[in-house]
């Protein structure tokens, strides 16, 4: 446990690491243990105004979506505040909800309603994922970053510095690869 890490955060870090490891999840492009992504999200959230619950949620933000963990498990282990943030950070769409564009529209509508702390964690998640995808998969980055621009347009409540950084990443990609709106998905 680092000096800055609280007991709640330590428990969340350990819980997330075990949950992702239990299902054999690794980072897509690097094969690293998946927990490196939540760790990067936590590091970004630490750069702005945050709470202990936000840091715990940053560790846990993909557990309900990507592992066998249920939201009720998060609430039981970490309380209502953290569970609420994880709820807002979890995609609500399912494969049966339609094609990728339809599913992403449902997830955007969900995140547009999320409270500021959840949107701040989501911005950190978007920043870390964008950096990775931009570096490792420029072809998919075209689709991904277009979707993230649409998300940023409806997510108005997150930290303004992280929001600006997220837009900067998209603009940097466009500067090197050309405007996203001229590409086909």
N, C-alpha and C. Protein backbone atom coordinates (compact mmCIF):
# COMPACT_ATOMS: atom_id res chain seq x y z
N UNK A 1 0.85 -1.19 0.00
CA UNK A 1 0.00 0.00 0.00
C UNK A 1 0.89 1.24 0.00
N UNK A 2 0.66 2.14 -0.94
CA UNK A 2 1.45 3.37 -0.97
C UNK A 2 0.96 4.32 0.11
N UNK A 3 1.77 5.33 0.39
CA UNK A 3 1.38 6.31 1.42
C UNK A 3 0.06 6.97 1.08
N UNK A 4 -0.18 7.20 -0.20
CA UNK A 4 -1.39 7.92 -0.61
C UNK A 4 -2.60 7.00 -0.72
N UNK A 5 -2.40 5.70 -0.74
CA UNK A 5 -3.50 4.77 -0.96
C UNK A 5 -4.22 4.48 0.36
N UNK A 6 -5.53 4.67 0.36
CA UNK A 6 -6.33 4.41 1.56
C UNK A 6 -6.66 2.92 1.65
N UNK A 7 -7.20 2.52 2.79
CA UNK A 7 -7.61 1.12 2.95
C UNK A 7 -8.69 0.75 1.94
N UNK A 8 -9.63 1.64 1.70
CA UNK A 8 -10.68 1.37 0.71
C UNK A 8 -10.06 1.16 -0.67
N UNK A 9 -9.15 2.01 -1.02
CA UNK A 9 -8.52 1.89 -2.33
C UNK A 9 -7.69 0.61 -2.43
N UNK A 10 -6.97 0.26 -1.39
CA UNK A 10 -6.19 -0.97 -1.40
C UNK A 10 -7.10 -2.18 -1.60
N UNK A 11 -8.20 -2.20 -0.89
CA UNK A 11 -9.16 -3.30 -1.04
C UNK A 11 -9.70 -3.35 -2.47
N UNK A 12 -10.00 -2.18 -3.04
CA UNK A 12 -10.52 -2.13 -4.41
C UNK A 12 -9.48 -2.61 -5.40
N UNK A 13 -8.23 -2.20 -5.22
CA UNK A 13 -7.14 -2.62 -6.11
C UNK A 13 -6.99 -4.14 -6.07
N UNK A 14 -6.95 -4.69 -4.89
CA UNK A 14 -6.79 -6.14 -4.75
C UNK A 14 -7.99 -6.89 -5.33
N UNK A 15 -9.18 -6.40 -5.04
CA UNK A 15 -10.41 -7.02 -5.55
C UNK A 15 -10.41 -7.03 -7.07
N UNK A 16 -10.09 -5.90 -7.68
CA UNK A 16 -10.08 -5.80 -9.15
C UNK A 16 -9.01 -6.70 -9.74
N UNK A 17 -7.82 -6.73 -9.15
CA UNK A 17 -6.75 -7.56 -9.67
C UNK A 17 -7.17 -9.03 -9.67
N UNK A 18 -7.76 -9.49 -8.58
CA UNK A 18 -8.20 -10.88 -8.50
C UNK A 18 -9.32 -11.14 -9.50
N UNK A 19 -10.29 -10.25 -9.61
CA UNK A 19 -11.42 -10.45 -10.52
C UNK A 19 -10.96 -10.56 -11.97
N UNK A 20 -10.08 -9.68 -12.40
CA UNK A 20 -9.60 -9.71 -13.78
C UNK A 20 -8.70 -10.93 -14.02
N UNK A 21 -7.88 -11.25 -13.03
CA UNK A 21 -6.99 -12.41 -13.17
C UNK A 21 -7.80 -13.71 -13.21
N UNK A 22 -8.85 -13.79 -12.40
CA UNK A 22 -9.68 -14.99 -12.32
C UNK A 22 -10.27 -15.37 -13.68
N UNK A 23 -10.59 -14.36 -14.50
CA UNK A 23 -11.16 -14.64 -15.83
C UNK A 23 -10.09 -14.62 -16.92
N UNK A 24 -8.82 -14.47 -16.52
CA UNK A 24 -7.72 -14.51 -17.47
C UNK A 24 -7.64 -13.30 -18.38
N UNK A 25 -8.17 -12.17 -17.92
CA UNK A 25 -8.17 -10.98 -18.76
C UNK A 25 -6.79 -10.31 -18.76
N UNK A 26 -6.33 -9.98 -19.97
CA UNK A 26 -5.07 -9.26 -20.15
C UNK A 26 -5.33 -8.08 -21.08
N UNK A 27 -4.39 -7.16 -21.13
CA UNK A 27 -4.51 -6.02 -22.04
C UNK A 27 -4.40 -6.52 -23.47
N UNK A 28 -5.30 -6.07 -24.31
CA UNK A 28 -5.43 -6.56 -25.67
C UNK A 28 -4.14 -6.48 -26.48
N UNK A 29 -3.49 -5.36 -26.48
CA UNK A 29 -2.35 -5.16 -27.37
C UNK A 29 -1.02 -5.60 -26.80
N UNK A 30 -0.92 -5.64 -25.48
CA UNK A 30 0.37 -5.91 -24.86
C UNK A 30 0.45 -7.25 -24.14
N UNK A 31 -0.69 -7.83 -23.80
CA UNK A 31 -0.70 -9.07 -23.04
C UNK A 31 -0.37 -8.88 -21.57
N UNK A 32 -0.22 -7.65 -21.14
CA UNK A 32 0.07 -7.37 -19.73
C UNK A 32 -1.14 -7.74 -18.88
N UNK A 33 -0.93 -7.98 -17.58
CA UNK A 33 -2.08 -8.20 -16.70
C UNK A 33 -3.04 -7.01 -16.82
N UNK A 34 -4.33 -7.30 -16.85
CA UNK A 34 -5.32 -6.24 -17.10
C UNK A 34 -5.25 -5.11 -16.08
N UNK A 35 -4.83 -5.42 -14.87
CA UNK A 35 -4.85 -4.43 -13.80
C UNK A 35 -3.99 -3.20 -14.12
N UNK A 36 -3.08 -3.30 -15.11
CA UNK A 36 -2.30 -2.11 -15.48
C UNK A 36 -3.21 -1.00 -15.99
N UNK A 37 -4.34 -1.36 -16.62
CA UNK A 37 -5.26 -0.32 -17.10
C UNK A 37 -5.95 0.40 -15.94
N UNK A 38 -6.61 -0.31 -15.01
CA UNK A 38 -7.18 0.43 -13.87
C UNK A 38 -6.13 1.23 -13.11
N UNK A 39 -4.91 0.72 -13.00
CA UNK A 39 -3.84 1.47 -12.32
C UNK A 39 -3.56 2.78 -13.04
N UNK A 40 -3.56 2.75 -14.37
CA UNK A 40 -3.33 3.98 -15.15
C UNK A 40 -4.50 4.95 -14.97
N UNK A 41 -5.72 4.42 -14.93
CA UNK A 41 -6.90 5.26 -14.72
C UNK A 41 -6.83 5.93 -13.35
N UNK A 42 -6.46 5.18 -12.33
CA UNK A 42 -6.30 5.74 -10.98
C UNK A 42 -5.26 6.85 -10.99
N UNK A 43 -4.14 6.63 -11.65
CA UNK A 43 -3.08 7.64 -11.70
C UNK A 43 -3.58 8.93 -12.35
N UNK A 44 -4.40 8.81 -13.37
CA UNK A 44 -4.96 10.00 -14.03
C UNK A 44 -5.96 10.70 -13.11
N UNK A 45 -6.82 9.94 -12.44
CA UNK A 45 -7.81 10.53 -11.52
C UNK A 45 -7.09 11.27 -10.40
N UNK A 46 -5.96 10.74 -9.94
CA UNK A 46 -5.20 11.40 -8.86
C UNK A 46 -4.72 12.80 -9.26
N UNK A 47 -4.61 13.07 -10.55
CA UNK A 47 -4.11 14.37 -11.02
C UNK A 47 -5.12 15.49 -10.85
N UNK A 48 -6.37 15.15 -10.60
CA UNK A 48 -7.43 16.16 -10.49
C UNK A 48 -8.14 15.99 -9.14
N UNK A 49 -9.06 16.90 -8.86
CA UNK A 49 -9.83 16.81 -7.63
C UNK A 49 -10.59 15.48 -7.61
N UNK A 50 -10.42 14.71 -6.52
CA UNK A 50 -11.03 13.39 -6.45
C UNK A 50 -11.35 13.02 -5.01
N UNK A 51 -12.11 11.95 -4.87
CA UNK A 51 -12.44 11.40 -3.56
C UNK A 51 -11.91 9.98 -3.47
N UNK A 52 -11.92 9.47 -2.28
CA UNK A 52 -11.54 8.07 -2.03
C UNK A 52 -12.46 7.12 -2.82
N UNK A 53 -13.74 7.44 -2.88
CA UNK A 53 -14.68 6.61 -3.62
C UNK A 53 -14.38 6.62 -5.12
N UNK A 54 -13.97 7.76 -5.65
CA UNK A 54 -13.61 7.83 -7.07
C UNK A 54 -12.40 6.95 -7.37
N UNK A 55 -11.41 6.95 -6.48
CA UNK A 55 -10.23 6.11 -6.70
C UNK A 55 -10.60 4.63 -6.63
N UNK A 56 -11.45 4.27 -5.67
CA UNK A 56 -11.90 2.87 -5.59
C UNK A 56 -12.65 2.49 -6.86
N UNK A 57 -13.53 3.37 -7.32
CA UNK A 57 -14.30 3.10 -8.54
C UNK A 57 -13.39 3.01 -9.76
N UNK A 58 -12.33 3.79 -9.78
CA UNK A 58 -11.37 3.72 -10.89
C UNK A 58 -10.72 2.34 -10.94
N UNK A 59 -10.39 1.78 -9.79
CA UNK A 59 -9.84 0.42 -9.77
C UNK A 59 -10.88 -0.58 -10.26
N UNK A 60 -12.13 -0.36 -9.91
CA UNK A 60 -13.20 -1.35 -10.13
C UNK A 60 -14.01 -1.12 -11.40
N UNK A 61 -13.71 -0.09 -12.18
CA UNK A 61 -14.62 0.37 -13.23
C UNK A 61 -14.94 -0.66 -14.30
N UNK A 62 -14.09 -1.64 -14.53
CA UNK A 62 -14.36 -2.66 -15.55
C UNK A 62 -14.75 -4.02 -14.97
N UNK A 63 -14.83 -4.14 -13.67
CA UNK A 63 -15.07 -5.46 -13.09
C UNK A 63 -16.46 -6.01 -13.41
N UNK A 64 -17.49 -5.20 -13.34
CA UNK A 64 -18.84 -5.69 -13.62
C UNK A 64 -19.00 -6.00 -15.11
N UNK A 65 -18.39 -5.18 -15.93
CA UNK A 65 -18.49 -5.34 -17.38
C UNK A 65 -17.68 -6.53 -17.90
N UNK A 66 -16.51 -6.79 -17.32
CA UNK A 66 -15.57 -7.73 -17.92
C UNK A 66 -15.29 -9.00 -17.12
N UNK A 67 -15.84 -9.11 -15.93
CA UNK A 67 -15.57 -10.29 -15.10
C UNK A 67 -16.90 -10.86 -14.60
N UNK A 68 -16.80 -11.83 -13.71
CA UNK A 68 -18.02 -12.43 -13.15
C UNK A 68 -18.55 -11.68 -11.93
N UNK A 69 -18.00 -10.51 -11.65
CA UNK A 69 -18.44 -9.68 -10.53
C UNK A 69 -19.76 -9.00 -10.87
N UNK A 70 -20.67 -8.99 -9.92
CA UNK A 70 -21.96 -8.31 -10.05
C UNK A 70 -21.91 -6.98 -9.28
N UNK A 71 -22.77 -6.07 -9.67
CA UNK A 71 -22.85 -4.79 -8.97
C UNK A 71 -23.17 -5.00 -7.48
N UNK A 72 -23.98 -6.00 -7.18
CA UNK A 72 -24.29 -6.29 -5.78
C UNK A 72 -23.04 -6.69 -5.00
N UNK A 73 -22.08 -7.36 -5.66
CA UNK A 73 -20.81 -7.69 -5.01
C UNK A 73 -20.04 -6.42 -4.66
N UNK A 74 -20.04 -5.47 -5.59
CA UNK A 74 -19.35 -4.19 -5.35
C UNK A 74 -20.00 -3.47 -4.18
N UNK A 75 -21.32 -3.43 -4.16
CA UNK A 75 -22.01 -2.73 -3.07
C UNK A 75 -21.73 -3.40 -1.72
N UNK A 76 -21.76 -4.72 -1.70
CA UNK A 76 -21.51 -5.44 -0.45
C UNK A 76 -20.08 -5.21 0.05
N UNK A 77 -19.12 -5.21 -0.86
CA UNK A 77 -17.71 -5.08 -0.48
C UNK A 77 -17.27 -3.64 -0.23
N UNK A 78 -17.87 -2.68 -0.97
CA UNK A 78 -17.33 -1.31 -0.96
C UNK A 78 -18.36 -0.23 -0.64
N UNK A 79 -19.61 -0.60 -0.49
CA UNK A 79 -20.63 0.37 -0.12
C UNK A 79 -21.32 1.01 -1.30
N UNK A 80 -22.37 1.75 -0.99
CA UNK A 80 -23.24 2.35 -2.00
C UNK A 80 -22.58 3.42 -2.85
N UNK A 81 -21.72 4.24 -2.26
CA UNK A 81 -21.06 5.31 -3.05
C UNK A 81 -20.23 4.73 -4.18
N UNK A 82 -19.39 3.76 -3.84
CA UNK A 82 -18.52 3.16 -4.85
C UNK A 82 -19.36 2.38 -5.86
N UNK A 83 -20.34 1.63 -5.37
CA UNK A 83 -21.20 0.85 -6.27
C UNK A 83 -21.94 1.76 -7.24
N UNK A 84 -22.39 2.90 -6.76
CA UNK A 84 -23.08 3.84 -7.64
C UNK A 84 -22.16 4.33 -8.76
N UNK A 85 -20.93 4.67 -8.41
CA UNK A 85 -19.97 5.11 -9.43
C UNK A 85 -19.70 4.00 -10.43
N UNK A 86 -19.50 2.78 -9.94
CA UNK A 86 -19.24 1.66 -10.84
C UNK A 86 -20.45 1.42 -11.74
N UNK A 87 -21.66 1.57 -11.20
CA UNK A 87 -22.87 1.45 -12.02
C UNK A 87 -22.81 2.43 -13.20
N UNK A 88 -22.49 3.68 -12.94
CA UNK A 88 -22.45 4.69 -14.01
C UNK A 88 -21.33 4.40 -15.00
N UNK A 89 -20.27 3.74 -14.56
CA UNK A 89 -19.11 3.46 -15.42
C UNK A 89 -19.26 2.17 -16.22
N UNK A 90 -20.32 1.42 -15.96
CA UNK A 90 -20.54 0.14 -16.62
C UNK A 90 -21.48 0.33 -17.80
N UNK A 91 -21.08 -0.19 -18.96
CA UNK A 91 -21.95 -0.12 -20.14
C UNK A 91 -23.28 -0.78 -19.84
N UNK A 92 -24.35 -0.16 -20.30
CA UNK A 92 -25.70 -0.72 -20.10
C UNK A 92 -26.15 -1.51 -21.32
N UNK A 93 -25.52 -1.33 -22.44
CA UNK A 93 -25.93 -2.03 -23.66
C UNK A 93 -25.53 -3.50 -23.61
N UNK A 94 -26.30 -4.29 -24.33
CA UNK A 94 -26.05 -5.72 -24.48
C UNK A 94 -26.02 -6.05 -25.97
N UNK A 95 -25.40 -7.15 -26.36
CA UNK A 95 -25.34 -7.51 -27.78
C UNK A 95 -26.70 -7.52 -28.48
N UNK A 96 -27.72 -7.92 -27.78
CA UNK A 96 -29.06 -7.98 -28.37
C UNK A 96 -29.70 -6.60 -28.59
N UNK A 97 -29.03 -5.54 -28.15
CA UNK A 97 -29.55 -4.18 -28.32
C UNK A 97 -29.28 -3.60 -29.70
N UNK A 98 -28.66 -4.37 -30.58
CA UNK A 98 -28.44 -3.89 -31.94
C UNK A 98 -26.98 -3.86 -32.32
N UNK A 99 -26.70 -3.13 -33.39
CA UNK A 99 -25.33 -3.05 -33.88
C UNK A 99 -24.48 -2.16 -32.96
N UNK A 100 -23.21 -2.06 -33.27
CA UNK A 100 -22.28 -1.30 -32.43
C UNK A 100 -22.76 0.15 -32.24
N UNK A 101 -23.20 0.79 -33.32
CA UNK A 101 -23.64 2.19 -33.22
C UNK A 101 -24.84 2.32 -32.28
N UNK A 102 -25.78 1.39 -32.35
CA UNK A 102 -26.95 1.44 -31.48
C UNK A 102 -26.55 1.21 -30.02
N UNK A 103 -25.66 0.26 -29.81
CA UNK A 103 -25.21 -0.02 -28.44
C UNK A 103 -24.45 1.17 -27.86
N UNK A 104 -23.58 1.77 -28.66
CA UNK A 104 -22.82 2.92 -28.18
C UNK A 104 -23.74 4.11 -27.87
N UNK A 105 -24.80 4.26 -28.63
CA UNK A 105 -25.77 5.34 -28.36
C UNK A 105 -26.44 5.12 -26.99
N UNK A 106 -26.78 3.88 -26.67
CA UNK A 106 -27.35 3.58 -25.35
C UNK A 106 -26.36 3.89 -24.23
N UNK A 107 -25.11 3.51 -24.44
CA UNK A 107 -24.08 3.77 -23.42
C UNK A 107 -23.81 5.27 -23.27
N UNK A 108 -23.84 6.00 -24.38
CA UNK A 108 -23.66 7.47 -24.31
C UNK A 108 -24.78 8.11 -23.51
N UNK A 109 -26.02 7.69 -23.77
CA UNK A 109 -27.17 8.26 -23.04
C UNK A 109 -27.03 7.98 -21.54
N UNK A 110 -26.57 6.80 -21.20
CA UNK A 110 -26.35 6.43 -19.79
C UNK A 110 -25.30 7.35 -19.17
N UNK A 111 -24.16 7.48 -19.82
CA UNK A 111 -23.06 8.30 -19.27
C UNK A 111 -23.39 9.79 -19.25
N UNK A 112 -24.24 10.24 -20.16
CA UNK A 112 -24.63 11.65 -20.17
C UNK A 112 -25.35 12.02 -18.87
N UNK A 113 -26.00 11.05 -18.25
CA UNK A 113 -26.74 11.28 -17.00
C UNK A 113 -25.88 11.06 -15.75
N UNK A 114 -24.68 10.56 -15.93
CA UNK A 114 -23.82 10.22 -14.80
C UNK A 114 -23.39 11.46 -14.03
N UNK A 115 -23.22 11.33 -12.72
CA UNK A 115 -22.74 12.46 -11.92
C UNK A 115 -21.28 12.78 -12.23
N UNK A 116 -20.88 13.99 -11.86
CA UNK A 116 -19.54 14.48 -12.16
C UNK A 116 -18.42 13.52 -11.74
N UNK A 117 -18.46 12.94 -10.53
CA UNK A 117 -17.37 12.03 -10.16
C UNK A 117 -17.24 10.83 -11.12
N UNK A 118 -18.36 10.27 -11.53
CA UNK A 118 -18.32 9.14 -12.47
C UNK A 118 -17.81 9.59 -13.82
N UNK A 119 -18.23 10.76 -14.28
CA UNK A 119 -17.75 11.25 -15.57
C UNK A 119 -16.25 11.55 -15.52
N UNK A 120 -15.75 11.99 -14.38
CA UNK A 120 -14.32 12.24 -14.25
C UNK A 120 -13.54 10.93 -14.39
N UNK A 121 -14.00 9.88 -13.72
CA UNK A 121 -13.34 8.58 -13.84
C UNK A 121 -13.44 8.08 -15.28
N UNK A 122 -14.59 8.28 -15.92
CA UNK A 122 -14.75 7.85 -17.31
C UNK A 122 -13.78 8.59 -18.23
N UNK A 123 -13.58 9.87 -17.98
CA UNK A 123 -12.62 10.63 -18.78
C UNK A 123 -11.21 10.04 -18.64
N UNK A 124 -10.83 9.68 -17.41
CA UNK A 124 -9.52 9.07 -17.20
C UNK A 124 -9.43 7.73 -17.94
N UNK A 125 -10.49 6.96 -17.91
CA UNK A 125 -10.56 5.68 -18.64
C UNK A 125 -10.41 5.92 -20.14
N UNK A 126 -11.12 6.89 -20.64
CA UNK A 126 -11.07 7.22 -22.07
C UNK A 126 -9.66 7.66 -22.47
N UNK A 127 -9.03 8.45 -21.64
CA UNK A 127 -7.67 8.93 -21.94
C UNK A 127 -6.70 7.76 -22.02
N UNK A 128 -6.73 6.88 -21.02
CA UNK A 128 -5.80 5.75 -21.04
C UNK A 128 -6.08 4.83 -22.22
N UNK A 129 -7.34 4.50 -22.47
CA UNK A 129 -7.65 3.64 -23.61
C UNK A 129 -7.28 4.30 -24.93
N UNK A 130 -7.52 5.58 -25.06
CA UNK A 130 -7.18 6.28 -26.30
C UNK A 130 -5.69 6.23 -26.57
N UNK A 131 -4.90 6.46 -25.55
CA UNK A 131 -3.44 6.41 -25.72
C UNK A 131 -3.01 5.03 -26.21
N UNK A 132 -3.55 4.00 -25.60
CA UNK A 132 -3.19 2.63 -25.97
C UNK A 132 -3.64 2.29 -27.39
N UNK A 133 -4.86 2.62 -27.72
CA UNK A 133 -5.38 2.30 -29.05
C UNK A 133 -4.67 3.11 -30.12
N UNK A 134 -4.41 4.37 -29.85
CA UNK A 134 -3.69 5.21 -30.80
C UNK A 134 -2.30 4.63 -31.08
N UNK A 135 -1.64 4.16 -30.04
CA UNK A 135 -0.30 3.62 -30.17
C UNK A 135 -0.29 2.26 -30.88
N UNK A 136 -1.26 1.39 -30.55
CA UNK A 136 -1.19 0.00 -31.00
C UNK A 136 -2.12 -0.37 -32.16
N UNK A 137 -3.17 0.42 -32.39
CA UNK A 137 -4.14 0.02 -33.42
C UNK A 137 -4.75 1.24 -34.10
N UNK A 138 -3.97 1.95 -34.93
CA UNK A 138 -4.48 3.16 -35.58
C UNK A 138 -5.72 2.93 -36.43
N UNK A 139 -5.88 1.75 -37.00
CA UNK A 139 -7.08 1.49 -37.80
C UNK A 139 -8.34 1.49 -36.93
N UNK A 140 -8.30 0.77 -35.79
CA UNK A 140 -9.44 0.78 -34.88
C UNK A 140 -9.59 2.15 -34.22
N UNK A 141 -8.50 2.86 -34.06
CA UNK A 141 -8.56 4.19 -33.43
C UNK A 141 -9.52 5.10 -34.18
N UNK A 142 -9.62 4.95 -35.47
CA UNK A 142 -10.56 5.78 -36.25
C UNK A 142 -11.98 5.61 -35.74
N UNK A 143 -12.39 4.37 -35.54
CA UNK A 143 -13.74 4.08 -35.04
C UNK A 143 -13.86 4.50 -33.58
N UNK A 144 -12.92 4.07 -32.77
CA UNK A 144 -12.95 4.32 -31.34
C UNK A 144 -12.97 5.81 -31.02
N UNK A 145 -12.09 6.57 -31.63
CA UNK A 145 -12.01 7.99 -31.30
C UNK A 145 -13.22 8.77 -31.82
N UNK A 146 -13.83 8.33 -32.90
CA UNK A 146 -15.08 8.96 -33.35
C UNK A 146 -16.17 8.75 -32.29
N UNK A 147 -16.24 7.53 -31.78
CA UNK A 147 -17.22 7.23 -30.73
C UNK A 147 -16.93 8.04 -29.47
N UNK A 148 -15.67 8.20 -29.15
CA UNK A 148 -15.32 8.95 -27.94
C UNK A 148 -15.59 10.45 -28.11
N UNK A 149 -15.42 10.96 -29.30
CA UNK A 149 -15.79 12.36 -29.53
C UNK A 149 -17.30 12.53 -29.29
N UNK A 150 -18.09 11.61 -29.79
CA UNK A 150 -19.54 11.67 -29.57
C UNK A 150 -19.86 11.59 -28.08
N UNK A 151 -19.13 10.75 -27.36
CA UNK A 151 -19.33 10.64 -25.92
C UNK A 151 -18.96 11.94 -25.21
N UNK A 152 -17.83 12.52 -25.58
CA UNK A 152 -17.41 13.77 -24.95
C UNK A 152 -18.42 14.89 -25.18
N UNK A 153 -19.09 14.86 -26.31
CA UNK A 153 -20.08 15.89 -26.62
C UNK A 153 -21.28 15.84 -25.70
N UNK A 154 -21.60 14.66 -25.15
CA UNK A 154 -22.76 14.56 -24.25
C UNK A 154 -22.37 14.51 -22.78
N UNK A 155 -21.12 14.20 -22.49
CA UNK A 155 -20.65 14.16 -21.11
C UNK A 155 -20.13 15.53 -20.72
N UNK A 156 -20.92 16.28 -20.04
CA UNK A 156 -20.57 17.66 -19.71
C UNK A 156 -20.11 17.85 -18.27
N UNK A 157 -20.19 16.80 -17.43
CA UNK A 157 -19.98 17.00 -16.00
C UNK A 157 -18.62 16.61 -15.45
N UNK A 158 -17.76 16.00 -16.23
CA UNK A 158 -16.48 15.56 -15.70
C UNK A 158 -15.48 16.69 -15.52
N UNK A 159 -14.36 16.36 -14.95
CA UNK A 159 -13.29 17.33 -14.73
C UNK A 159 -12.91 18.01 -16.04
N UNK A 160 -12.85 19.32 -16.03
CA UNK A 160 -12.62 20.08 -17.27
C UNK A 160 -11.22 19.87 -17.84
N UNK A 161 -10.21 19.67 -16.97
CA UNK A 161 -8.86 19.43 -17.46
C UNK A 161 -8.75 18.08 -18.16
N UNK A 162 -9.39 17.06 -17.58
CA UNK A 162 -9.38 15.74 -18.22
C UNK A 162 -10.19 15.77 -19.52
N UNK A 163 -11.27 16.51 -19.53
CA UNK A 163 -12.06 16.63 -20.75
C UNK A 163 -11.23 17.28 -21.86
N UNK A 164 -10.50 18.32 -21.50
CA UNK A 164 -9.64 19.00 -22.47
C UNK A 164 -8.55 18.05 -22.98
N UNK A 165 -7.98 17.25 -22.09
CA UNK A 165 -6.95 16.27 -22.50
C UNK A 165 -7.54 15.23 -23.44
N UNK A 166 -8.75 14.78 -23.16
CA UNK A 166 -9.40 13.79 -24.03
C UNK A 166 -9.62 14.37 -25.43
N UNK A 167 -10.09 15.59 -25.50
CA UNK A 167 -10.26 16.23 -26.81
C UNK A 167 -8.91 16.43 -27.51
N UNK A 168 -7.87 16.77 -26.73
CA UNK A 168 -6.54 16.96 -27.31
C UNK A 168 -6.03 15.66 -27.95
N UNK A 169 -6.28 14.54 -27.29
CA UNK A 169 -5.85 13.25 -27.85
C UNK A 169 -6.53 12.99 -29.20
N UNK A 170 -7.81 13.29 -29.29
CA UNK A 170 -8.53 13.12 -30.55
C UNK A 170 -7.95 14.04 -31.62
N UNK A 171 -7.71 15.28 -31.24
CA UNK A 171 -7.15 16.25 -32.20
C UNK A 171 -5.75 15.85 -32.65
N UNK A 172 -4.94 15.32 -31.73
CA UNK A 172 -3.61 14.85 -32.10
C UNK A 172 -3.71 13.71 -33.12
N UNK A 173 -4.63 12.78 -32.88
CA UNK A 173 -4.81 11.68 -33.82
C UNK A 173 -5.22 12.21 -35.19
N UNK A 174 -6.16 13.15 -35.19
CA UNK A 174 -6.62 13.73 -36.47
C UNK A 174 -5.49 14.47 -37.18
N UNK A 175 -4.63 15.12 -36.43
CA UNK A 175 -3.51 15.84 -37.03
C UNK A 175 -2.58 14.87 -37.78
N UNK A 176 -2.39 13.69 -37.22
CA UNK A 176 -1.51 12.70 -37.85
C UNK A 176 -2.23 11.82 -38.87
N UNK A 177 -3.50 11.55 -38.64
CA UNK A 177 -4.22 10.57 -39.47
C UNK A 177 -5.31 11.19 -40.35
N UNK A 178 -5.64 12.45 -40.15
CA UNK A 178 -6.72 13.08 -40.90
C UNK A 178 -8.00 13.13 -40.07
N UNK A 179 -8.94 14.01 -40.43
CA UNK A 179 -10.17 14.18 -39.66
C UNK A 179 -10.97 12.89 -39.54
N UNK A 180 -11.49 12.64 -38.34
CA UNK A 180 -12.27 11.44 -38.09
C UNK A 180 -13.58 11.42 -38.87
N UNK A 181 -14.19 12.59 -39.09
CA UNK A 181 -15.49 12.62 -39.76
C UNK A 181 -15.39 12.28 -41.25
N UNK A 182 -14.19 12.17 -41.78
CA UNK A 182 -14.03 11.78 -43.19
C UNK A 182 -13.77 10.30 -43.34
N UNK A 183 -13.86 9.55 -42.25
CA UNK A 183 -13.58 8.12 -42.28
C UNK A 183 -14.88 7.33 -42.19
N UNK A 184 -14.85 6.15 -42.69
CA UNK A 184 -16.01 5.27 -42.57
C UNK A 184 -15.74 4.24 -41.50
N UNK A 185 -16.79 3.86 -40.82
CA UNK A 185 -16.65 2.88 -39.72
C UNK A 185 -16.66 1.48 -40.29
